[in-house]
Amino acid sequence: MLAAGIFFGLFFVVCLGLLVLLSRRQRPRRRGVRAPRPRVSILVAARNEQASIERCLRSLAQQKYPTGRLEIIIADDHSTDATAAVIEEFIRDKPQFRLLRVRERLGCTKDKSNALAHLCRAATTNYLLFTDADMALPPDWVATMLAALEPGVGVVTGITTAEGNLFGRLQGLDWLFGLNVIRVLAERGLPTSAIGNNMLLTRAAYESIGGLENMRFSVSEDLQIFQKVVARGWGFRHLCEPQALGISEAQPNFSALLKQRKRWLKSASGLPWYLTGLFGMYATFYTVLCWPGLFPLSIITGIYLAKTGFQTLFLAITLRQTGRREHVAVLLLYELYLCIMSVAVLAYTLWPTRLEWKERRYTLAEA
């Protein structure tokens, strides 16, 4: 009983602290209309994305940035569907776009990290913007990410959500919740991770770590890059504003979502202790709360409602900061979604099967 009391006391102290820090967020600086606009490279690794790649390319073609200062390179990573044909048709009359067919392996890389390594070699600018083929970016994305760069900053991360039906919107809340916790920590000088679907690297920062081809292979190459860049002394920025908000396609079903989250959870071993501790505390909340005979029903109900209240308020503030809106009923339903997912992902992760990602399988060591 005493240990459980300490656990929940610490849990709610952390929740209150995160809310205070979130409400006192650092405001984005004003961006001058005539800010410098250097040439930039937008890099997209695509594998079997024929259904979603055009949505991504359309959003990149609509960037409010001088076309002549953009090079957009899409790597076809051994697709077995019509991804390459869809890309070729879309970019036919758009000289800022280029299709790169990946066939050779560079250094220690393979699969997506190999495609990214090829993209970085093919890029001809000093600013590398990364996104995924299932993402759509706002028109001011390029300018907003560049404006966050300051002397000494090597990596900038935007924020991501998902949309669609109710299942997709709940996944979107999951993205916003986790990434805004990371952003709050980053604003207090605590490095955690970058998200490769919405990331900017300077060429100098990327070359300082030797490039992907000289890094041990991992399916979490974004986390790996971020940690090595920070270890080299580069600064980092995390943005939470509408102009840096990417919209990812939601996982289509529960099975696909479990595979995605298993990969994320297995990769969490590389995260710093303070973020692992925060997410670990959140994941074990239900186990401690519902331990047989530990608390009477009235106390269980009170703790559960308090947690739901903190969580809903955190999400409401996050949505406001990113220019999004959501029904209160969906915010409350997120608690049920989170409870189910916490148990299901933990069980699925412990199940002795390989990781599956983009129709490829990996050992746990490669996570």
Foldseek 3Di string as FASTA:
>chain_A
DVVLVVLLVVLVVVLVVLLVLLVVDDDDDDDDPPPDAAAEEEEEEDAQQLPQQVLAVVLVVLAPGPLVSYAYEYEYQPHPDCNVVSQCVVCVPRVSYDYHYDDDAFAQEDGPLRSVLVSLVPDDDQKYWAAYSQKHAHNHQVVVQVSPDDPQAFKEAEFEAADDPLQRNLRRLVRLVLLSSQQSCVVVVHHWFHDRRQMMGGNVLQVVLPHSNPDHFAPPVRRVSSVSSVVVVGRYHYDQAQNRYMYGYGDPDPVSVLLVVLSVVLVCVPTDPVSVVSVVSVLCVVVSLVPPPPDDPVVSVVSLVVVLVSQLSSSVSSCVRNVHDDDSVSSSVSSVVSNVCSVVSVVSNPPPDFRDDSNDTDHSVND
